[in-house]
Amino acid sequence: MEKEKNIKYLTDTVSQFLETNPKTGFLTFQVTTAQGNIPVSNARITVSIPLGNDYHIAKVLYSDESGKTAPFPLPAPDSSIADSPSKIKPYSEYNVSATADGYNTVQLLNVPVFEGINSIQPINLLPVTGGRNEIVFEEEPQDL
């Protein structure tokens, strides 16, 4: 019974998320080190969105030899909601985790995704020195 309840919760939550985010935006990641000067290949990038009750939807992708990923499609709200005053954000927010062998993990929280826009998200990894650490950044959409 508990399993069916959890499946229904997830199904309903995902359906609601997709209803409020019917369009598509894109994220392309550029993973580097040395303050953006050296690309990091084969970095593991996890894009996720929390659904509540400790559930997350996640997708994993890897950077190529130039440190880039292909544009990654993600659900986003219809951009027309920005035309009317409301408390609804005209973008969806995702959490991103990036890691590679020999580097500290970087967490980016609330990365915005806008309908029809391919946002290039830079990720600067720092080499491990002494012990692994996690570095967390909270993102905010830039004013246009």
N, C-alpha and C. Protein backbone atom coordinates (compact mmCIF):
# COMPACT_ATOMS: atom_id res chain seq x y z
N MET A 1 0.82 -1.20 0.00
CA MET A 1 0.00 0.00 0.00
C MET A 1 0.87 1.27 0.00
N GLU A 2 1.93 1.27 0.80
CA GLU A 2 2.82 2.43 0.87
C GLU A 2 3.48 2.70 -0.48
N LYS A 3 3.87 1.62 -1.17
CA LYS A 3 4.52 1.78 -2.47
C LYS A 3 3.57 2.44 -3.47
N GLU A 4 2.31 1.98 -3.51
CA GLU A 4 1.32 2.56 -4.42
C GLU A 4 1.07 4.03 -4.09
N LYS A 5 1.06 4.35 -2.80
CA LYS A 5 0.86 5.73 -2.35
C LYS A 5 2.02 6.61 -2.84
N ASN A 6 3.24 6.11 -2.72
CA ASN A 6 4.41 6.86 -3.18
C ASN A 6 4.41 7.04 -4.69
N ILE A 7 4.02 5.99 -5.42
CA ILE A 7 3.95 6.08 -6.88
C ILE A 7 2.91 7.12 -7.29
N LYS A 8 1.75 7.11 -6.64
CA LYS A 8 0.72 8.10 -6.95
C LYS A 8 1.21 9.50 -6.64
N TYR A 9 1.88 9.68 -5.51
CA TYR A 9 2.42 11.00 -5.15
C TYR A 9 3.38 11.48 -6.24
N LEU A 10 4.30 10.62 -6.64
CA LEU A 10 5.28 10.99 -7.66
C LEU A 10 4.61 11.30 -8.99
N THR A 11 3.67 10.46 -9.40
CA THR A 11 2.97 10.67 -10.66
C THR A 11 2.23 12.00 -10.65
N ASP A 12 1.50 12.27 -9.57
CA ASP A 12 0.76 13.53 -9.46
C ASP A 12 1.69 14.73 -9.43
N THR A 13 2.79 14.63 -8.70
CA THR A 13 3.73 15.74 -8.57
C THR A 13 4.42 16.03 -9.90
N VAL A 14 4.84 14.99 -10.60
CA VAL A 14 5.48 15.18 -11.91
C VAL A 14 4.47 15.76 -12.90
N SER A 15 3.25 15.26 -12.89
CA SER A 15 2.21 15.79 -13.79
C SER A 15 1.96 17.27 -13.53
N GLN A 16 1.88 17.64 -12.26
CA GLN A 16 1.66 19.04 -11.90
C GLN A 16 2.85 19.90 -12.35
N PHE A 17 4.07 19.41 -12.15
CA PHE A 17 5.26 20.15 -12.57
C PHE A 17 5.24 20.38 -14.09
N LEU A 18 4.91 19.33 -14.84
CA LEU A 18 4.89 19.45 -16.30
C LEU A 18 3.76 20.36 -16.79
N GLU A 19 2.63 20.39 -16.06
CA GLU A 19 1.53 21.30 -16.42
C GLU A 19 1.94 22.75 -16.25
N THR A 20 2.70 23.05 -15.19
CA THR A 20 3.12 24.43 -14.95
C THR A 20 4.39 24.79 -15.72
N ASN A 21 5.02 23.81 -16.32
CA ASN A 21 6.23 24.02 -17.12
C ASN A 21 6.09 23.32 -18.47
N PRO A 22 5.14 23.79 -19.32
CA PRO A 22 4.84 23.06 -20.56
C PRO A 22 5.82 23.31 -21.70
N LYS A 23 6.70 24.27 -21.55
CA LYS A 23 7.62 24.64 -22.63
C LYS A 23 9.00 24.05 -22.35
N THR A 24 9.98 24.39 -23.19
CA THR A 24 11.33 23.84 -23.04
C THR A 24 12.36 24.95 -23.09
N GLY A 25 13.31 24.87 -22.17
CA GLY A 25 14.50 25.71 -22.18
C GLY A 25 15.71 24.79 -22.18
N PHE A 26 16.89 25.34 -22.28
CA PHE A 26 18.09 24.50 -22.40
C PHE A 26 19.21 25.02 -21.49
N LEU A 27 19.98 24.08 -20.98
CA LEU A 27 21.21 24.41 -20.26
C LEU A 27 22.37 23.73 -20.98
N THR A 28 23.42 24.49 -21.23
CA THR A 28 24.68 23.95 -21.71
C THR A 28 25.71 24.25 -20.63
N PHE A 29 26.48 23.27 -20.26
CA PHE A 29 27.47 23.46 -19.20
C PHE A 29 28.86 23.57 -19.80
N GLN A 30 29.65 24.49 -19.26
CA GLN A 30 31.05 24.66 -19.63
C GLN A 30 31.85 24.45 -18.34
N VAL A 31 32.51 23.28 -18.25
CA VAL A 31 33.23 22.92 -17.03
C VAL A 31 34.71 23.19 -17.23
N THR A 32 35.26 23.99 -16.31
CA THR A 32 36.67 24.37 -16.41
C THR A 32 37.31 24.33 -15.03
N THR A 33 38.62 24.56 -15.02
CA THR A 33 39.38 24.78 -13.80
C THR A 33 40.33 25.94 -14.07
N ALA A 34 41.12 26.32 -13.10
CA ALA A 34 42.06 27.44 -13.25
C ALA A 34 41.33 28.71 -13.69
N GLN A 35 40.23 29.00 -12.98
CA GLN A 35 39.42 30.20 -13.22
C GLN A 35 38.94 30.31 -14.67
N GLY A 36 38.52 29.18 -15.21
CA GLY A 36 37.94 29.16 -16.55
C GLY A 36 38.93 28.99 -17.68
N ASN A 37 40.19 28.76 -17.38
CA ASN A 37 41.21 28.69 -18.42
C ASN A 37 41.49 27.29 -18.96
N ILE A 38 41.16 26.25 -18.20
CA ILE A 38 41.45 24.88 -18.63
C ILE A 38 40.16 24.06 -18.60
N PRO A 39 39.75 23.47 -19.73
CA PRO A 39 38.53 22.66 -19.74
C PRO A 39 38.73 21.37 -18.94
N VAL A 40 37.64 20.91 -18.33
CA VAL A 40 37.65 19.65 -17.59
C VAL A 40 36.77 18.67 -18.36
N SER A 41 37.38 17.63 -18.91
CA SER A 41 36.61 16.63 -19.65
C SER A 41 36.10 15.55 -18.71
N ASN A 42 35.05 14.90 -19.12
CA ASN A 42 34.44 13.79 -18.39
C ASN A 42 33.97 14.18 -16.99
N ALA A 43 33.61 15.45 -16.80
CA ALA A 43 33.00 15.87 -15.54
C ALA A 43 31.58 15.34 -15.51
N ARG A 44 31.19 14.82 -14.37
CA ARG A 44 29.83 14.30 -14.20
C ARG A 44 28.94 15.42 -13.70
N ILE A 45 27.90 15.72 -14.45
CA ILE A 45 26.98 16.80 -14.11
C ILE A 45 25.60 16.19 -13.88
N THR A 46 25.05 16.45 -12.70
CA THR A 46 23.73 15.95 -12.36
C THR A 46 22.78 17.14 -12.24
N VAL A 47 21.73 17.12 -13.03
CA VAL A 47 20.70 18.16 -12.99
C VAL A 47 19.49 17.54 -12.30
N SER A 48 18.97 18.23 -11.27
CA SER A 48 17.85 17.65 -10.54
C SER A 48 16.85 18.72 -10.12
N ILE A 49 15.68 18.25 -9.77
CA ILE A 49 14.66 19.14 -9.23
C ILE A 49 13.99 18.39 -8.07
N PRO A 50 13.89 19.05 -6.91
CA PRO A 50 13.24 18.40 -5.77
C PRO A 50 11.73 18.35 -5.97
N LEU A 51 11.14 17.23 -5.59
CA LEU A 51 9.69 17.05 -5.72
C LEU A 51 8.99 16.99 -4.38
N GLY A 52 9.73 17.16 -3.29
CA GLY A 52 9.15 17.03 -1.96
C GLY A 52 9.27 15.61 -1.46
N ASN A 53 9.08 15.43 -0.17
CA ASN A 53 9.19 14.11 0.47
C ASN A 53 10.49 13.40 0.14
N ASP A 54 11.57 14.16 -0.01
CA ASP A 54 12.91 13.62 -0.32
C ASP A 54 13.00 12.93 -1.68
N TYR A 55 12.07 13.22 -2.58
CA TYR A 55 12.14 12.69 -3.94
C TYR A 55 12.74 13.73 -4.86
N HIS A 56 13.53 13.28 -5.82
CA HIS A 56 14.14 14.15 -6.82
C HIS A 56 14.06 13.46 -8.18
N ILE A 57 13.93 14.26 -9.21
CA ILE A 57 14.12 13.75 -10.57
C ILE A 57 15.49 14.23 -10.99
N ALA A 58 16.30 13.34 -11.53
CA ALA A 58 17.66 13.73 -11.88
C ALA A 58 18.06 13.12 -13.22
N LYS A 59 18.97 13.81 -13.87
CA LYS A 59 19.55 13.34 -15.13
C LYS A 59 21.05 13.61 -15.04
N VAL A 60 21.84 12.64 -15.49
CA VAL A 60 23.29 12.77 -15.45
C VAL A 60 23.82 12.92 -16.87
N LEU A 61 24.74 13.85 -17.07
CA LEU A 61 25.43 14.00 -18.34
C LEU A 61 26.90 14.29 -18.06
N TYR A 62 27.73 14.18 -19.10
CA TYR A 62 29.18 14.33 -18.94
C TYR A 62 29.71 15.37 -19.92
N SER A 63 30.74 16.09 -19.49
CA SER A 63 31.38 17.08 -20.37
C SER A 63 32.29 16.37 -21.36
N ASP A 64 32.45 16.98 -22.54
CA ASP A 64 33.33 16.42 -23.56
C ASP A 64 34.76 16.92 -23.35
N GLU A 65 35.64 16.66 -24.32
CA GLU A 65 37.06 17.03 -24.18
C GLU A 65 37.27 18.54 -24.10
N SER A 66 36.29 19.32 -24.55
CA SER A 66 36.40 20.78 -24.45
C SER A 66 35.74 21.31 -23.17
N GLY A 67 35.27 20.39 -22.32
CA GLY A 67 34.62 20.78 -21.07
C GLY A 67 33.15 21.12 -21.21
N LYS A 68 32.60 20.99 -22.43
CA LYS A 68 31.21 21.37 -22.68
C LYS A 68 30.29 20.15 -22.72
N THR A 69 29.01 20.44 -22.50
CA THR A 69 27.98 19.44 -22.74
C THR A 69 27.14 19.91 -23.92
N ALA A 70 26.41 19.00 -24.49
CA ALA A 70 25.42 19.38 -25.50
C ALA A 70 24.30 20.14 -24.78
N PRO A 71 23.55 21.00 -25.48
CA PRO A 71 22.41 21.66 -24.85
C PRO A 71 21.45 20.60 -24.30
N PHE A 72 21.06 20.78 -23.05
CA PHE A 72 20.23 19.81 -22.35
C PHE A 72 18.83 20.39 -22.19
N PRO A 73 17.79 19.78 -22.82
CA PRO A 73 16.43 20.31 -22.73
C PRO A 73 15.81 20.05 -21.36
N LEU A 74 15.12 21.07 -20.83
CA LEU A 74 14.46 20.96 -19.54
C LEU A 74 13.10 21.66 -19.59
N PRO A 75 12.12 21.16 -18.86
CA PRO A 75 10.83 21.84 -18.82
C PRO A 75 10.97 23.26 -18.25
N ALA A 76 10.23 24.19 -18.85
CA ALA A 76 10.22 25.59 -18.41
C ALA A 76 8.81 26.14 -18.58
N PRO A 77 8.46 27.16 -17.80
CA PRO A 77 7.13 27.75 -17.96
C PRO A 77 7.04 28.58 -19.24
N ASP A 78 5.81 28.81 -19.67
CA ASP A 78 5.56 29.64 -20.84
C ASP A 78 6.06 31.06 -20.55
N SER A 79 6.85 31.61 -21.44
CA SER A 79 7.44 32.94 -21.22
C SER A 79 6.40 34.05 -21.16
N SER A 80 5.20 33.80 -21.65
CA SER A 80 4.16 34.83 -21.65
C SER A 80 3.71 35.20 -20.24
N ILE A 81 3.99 34.36 -19.25
CA ILE A 81 3.58 34.73 -17.88
C ILE A 81 4.37 35.93 -17.37
N ALA A 82 5.49 36.24 -18.00
CA ALA A 82 6.26 37.42 -17.60
C ALA A 82 5.55 38.71 -18.01
N ASP A 83 4.59 38.62 -18.93
CA ASP A 83 3.88 39.80 -19.42
C ASP A 83 2.82 40.32 -18.46
N SER A 84 2.42 39.49 -17.50
CA SER A 84 1.38 39.92 -16.57
C SER A 84 1.92 39.86 -15.15
N PRO A 85 1.51 40.82 -14.32
CA PRO A 85 2.02 40.84 -12.95
C PRO A 85 1.49 39.64 -12.16
N SER A 86 2.39 38.89 -11.61
CA SER A 86 2.01 37.76 -10.76
C SER A 86 3.23 37.34 -9.96
N LYS A 87 3.02 36.47 -9.02
CA LYS A 87 4.12 35.97 -8.21
C LYS A 87 4.77 34.74 -8.85
N ILE A 88 4.23 34.32 -10.00
CA ILE A 88 4.78 33.16 -10.69
C ILE A 88 6.04 33.58 -11.43
N LYS A 89 7.10 32.84 -11.22
CA LYS A 89 8.38 33.13 -11.88
C LYS A 89 8.30 32.70 -13.35
N PRO A 90 8.88 33.50 -14.26
CA PRO A 90 8.85 33.12 -15.68
C PRO A 90 9.98 32.15 -16.05
N TYR A 91 10.44 31.40 -15.10
CA TYR A 91 11.50 30.42 -15.32
C TYR A 91 11.34 29.29 -14.31
N SER A 92 11.91 28.14 -14.63
CA SER A 92 11.95 27.04 -13.67
C SER A 92 13.35 27.01 -13.06
N GLU A 93 13.48 26.36 -11.92
CA GLU A 93 14.77 26.32 -11.22
C GLU A 93 15.21 24.88 -11.03
N TYR A 94 16.48 24.64 -11.27
CA TYR A 94 17.06 23.31 -11.13
C TYR A 94 18.31 23.39 -10.27
N ASN A 95 18.64 22.28 -9.65
CA ASN A 95 19.89 22.17 -8.90
C ASN A 95 20.87 21.36 -9.73
N VAL A 96 22.13 21.75 -9.66
CA VAL A 96 23.17 21.13 -10.47
C VAL A 96 24.33 20.74 -9.56
N SER A 97 24.85 19.55 -9.78
CA SER A 97 26.04 19.08 -9.07
C SER A 97 27.06 18.68 -10.13
N ALA A 98 28.30 19.12 -9.95
CA ALA A 98 29.36 18.77 -10.91
C ALA A 98 30.56 18.25 -10.15
N THR A 99 31.13 17.17 -10.66
CA THR A 99 32.31 16.58 -10.04
C THR A 99 33.15 15.90 -11.11
N ALA A 100 34.43 15.78 -10.83
CA ALA A 100 35.36 15.06 -11.71
C ALA A 100 36.48 14.53 -10.83
N ASP A 101 37.15 13.47 -11.30
CA ASP A 101 38.25 12.90 -10.53
C ASP A 101 39.30 13.97 -10.24
N GLY A 102 39.68 14.07 -8.97
CA GLY A 102 40.71 15.02 -8.57
C GLY A 102 40.20 16.42 -8.28
N TYR A 103 38.87 16.62 -8.35
CA TYR A 103 38.28 17.94 -8.12
C TYR A 103 37.21 17.87 -7.04
N ASN A 104 37.02 19.00 -6.34
CA ASN A 104 35.94 19.12 -5.38
C ASN A 104 34.60 19.18 -6.11
N THR A 105 33.56 18.71 -5.46
CA THR A 105 32.21 18.79 -6.01
C THR A 105 31.69 20.21 -5.89
N VAL A 106 31.03 20.68 -6.94
CA VAL A 106 30.41 22.01 -6.93
C VAL A 106 28.90 21.81 -7.04
N GLN A 107 28.16 22.49 -6.16
CA GLN A 107 26.70 22.48 -6.19
C GLN A 107 26.22 23.86 -6.62
N LEU A 108 25.34 23.91 -7.60
CA LEU A 108 24.69 25.16 -8.01
C LEU A 108 23.21 25.00 -7.71
N LEU A 109 22.67 25.88 -6.89
CA LEU A 109 21.27 25.79 -6.49
C LEU A 109 20.44 26.83 -7.24
N ASN A 110 19.23 26.44 -7.61
CA ASN A 110 18.26 27.35 -8.23
C ASN A 110 18.75 27.95 -9.55
N VAL A 111 19.31 27.12 -10.40
CA VAL A 111 19.76 27.58 -11.71
C VAL A 111 18.51 27.81 -12.57
N PRO A 112 18.31 29.03 -13.09
CA PRO A 112 17.09 29.32 -13.84
C PRO A 112 17.14 28.79 -15.28
N VAL A 113 15.98 28.33 -15.74
CA VAL A 113 15.81 27.88 -17.13
C VAL A 113 14.60 28.59 -17.70
N PHE A 114 14.82 29.31 -18.81
CA PHE A 114 13.78 30.09 -19.47
C PHE A 114 13.36 29.42 -20.77
N GLU A 115 12.08 29.56 -21.10
CA GLU A 115 11.55 28.99 -22.35
C GLU A 115 12.33 29.48 -23.56
N GLY A 116 12.74 28.54 -24.41
CA GLY A 116 13.35 28.86 -25.69
C GLY A 116 14.77 29.40 -25.63
N ILE A 117 15.36 29.47 -24.45
CA ILE A 117 16.70 30.04 -24.31
C ILE A 117 17.68 28.94 -23.92
N ASN A 118 18.84 28.94 -24.58
CA ASN A 118 19.93 28.04 -24.20
C ASN A 118 20.90 28.84 -23.33
N SER A 119 20.85 28.61 -22.03
CA SER A 119 21.74 29.30 -21.09
C SER A 119 23.03 28.51 -20.96
N ILE A 120 24.15 29.20 -21.09
CA ILE A 120 25.45 28.55 -20.89
C ILE A 120 25.85 28.77 -19.44
N GLN A 121 25.94 27.68 -18.71
CA GLN A 121 26.23 27.73 -17.28
C GLN A 121 27.69 27.35 -17.05
N PRO A 122 28.53 28.32 -16.68
CA PRO A 122 29.93 27.98 -16.38
C PRO A 122 30.03 27.30 -15.02
N ILE A 123 30.90 26.31 -14.94
CA ILE A 123 31.19 25.63 -13.67
C ILE A 123 32.70 25.57 -13.55
N ASN A 124 33.23 26.18 -12.50
CA ASN A 124 34.67 26.17 -12.26
C ASN A 124 34.98 25.18 -11.14
N LEU A 125 35.66 24.09 -11.48
CA LEU A 125 36.02 23.09 -10.48
C LEU A 125 37.38 23.42 -9.88
N LEU A 126 37.50 23.19 -8.58
CA LEU A 126 38.76 23.42 -7.88
C LEU A 126 39.39 22.08 -7.54
N PRO A 127 40.70 21.94 -7.77
CA PRO A 127 41.38 20.68 -7.45
C PRO A 127 41.28 20.36 -5.96
N VAL A 128 41.23 19.06 -5.66
CA VAL A 128 41.24 18.61 -4.27
C VAL A 128 42.62 18.86 -3.70
N THR A 129 42.66 19.50 -2.54
CA THR A 129 43.92 19.72 -1.84
C THR A 129 43.72 19.32 -0.39
N GLY A 130 44.18 18.15 -0.02
CA GLY A 130 44.06 17.69 1.36
C GLY A 130 42.86 16.79 1.60
N GLY A 131 41.70 17.22 1.28
CA GLY A 131 40.49 16.42 1.48
C GLY A 131 39.38 16.96 0.60
N ARG A 132 38.44 16.09 0.27
CA ARG A 132 37.35 16.51 -0.61
C ARG A 132 36.42 17.47 0.12
N ASN A 133 36.03 18.51 -0.57
CA ASN A 133 35.07 19.47 -0.06
C ASN A 133 33.96 19.65 -1.07
N GLU A 134 32.87 20.22 -0.61
CA GLU A 134 31.77 20.55 -1.51
C GLU A 134 31.62 22.06 -1.51
N ILE A 135 31.49 22.65 -2.67
CA ILE A 135 31.35 24.09 -2.82
C ILE A 135 29.95 24.36 -3.35
N VAL A 136 29.20 25.23 -2.65
CA VAL A 136 27.80 25.48 -3.00
C VAL A 136 27.63 26.94 -3.40
N PHE A 137 26.95 27.16 -4.53
CA PHE A 137 26.61 28.50 -5.01
C PHE A 137 25.11 28.55 -5.23
N GLU A 138 24.47 29.65 -4.83
CA GLU A 138 23.06 29.85 -5.13
C GLU A 138 22.97 30.80 -6.31
N GLU A 139 22.30 30.37 -7.37
CA GLU A 139 22.18 31.15 -8.60
C GLU A 139 20.94 32.03 -8.54
N GLU A 140 20.98 33.14 -9.26
CA GLU A 140 19.82 34.00 -9.44
C GLU A 140 19.78 34.45 -10.88
N PRO A 141 18.59 34.58 -11.45
CA PRO A 141 18.51 35.06 -12.82
C PRO A 141 19.03 36.49 -12.90
N GLN A 142 19.70 36.81 -13.98
CA GLN A 142 20.23 38.16 -14.18
C GLN A 142 19.13 39.06 -14.71
N ASP A 143 19.14 40.31 -14.28
CA ASP A 143 18.18 41.28 -14.81
C ASP A 143 18.47 41.52 -16.28
N LEU A 144 17.42 41.56 -17.07
CA LEU A 144 17.58 41.80 -18.50
C LEU A 144 17.35 43.26 -18.83
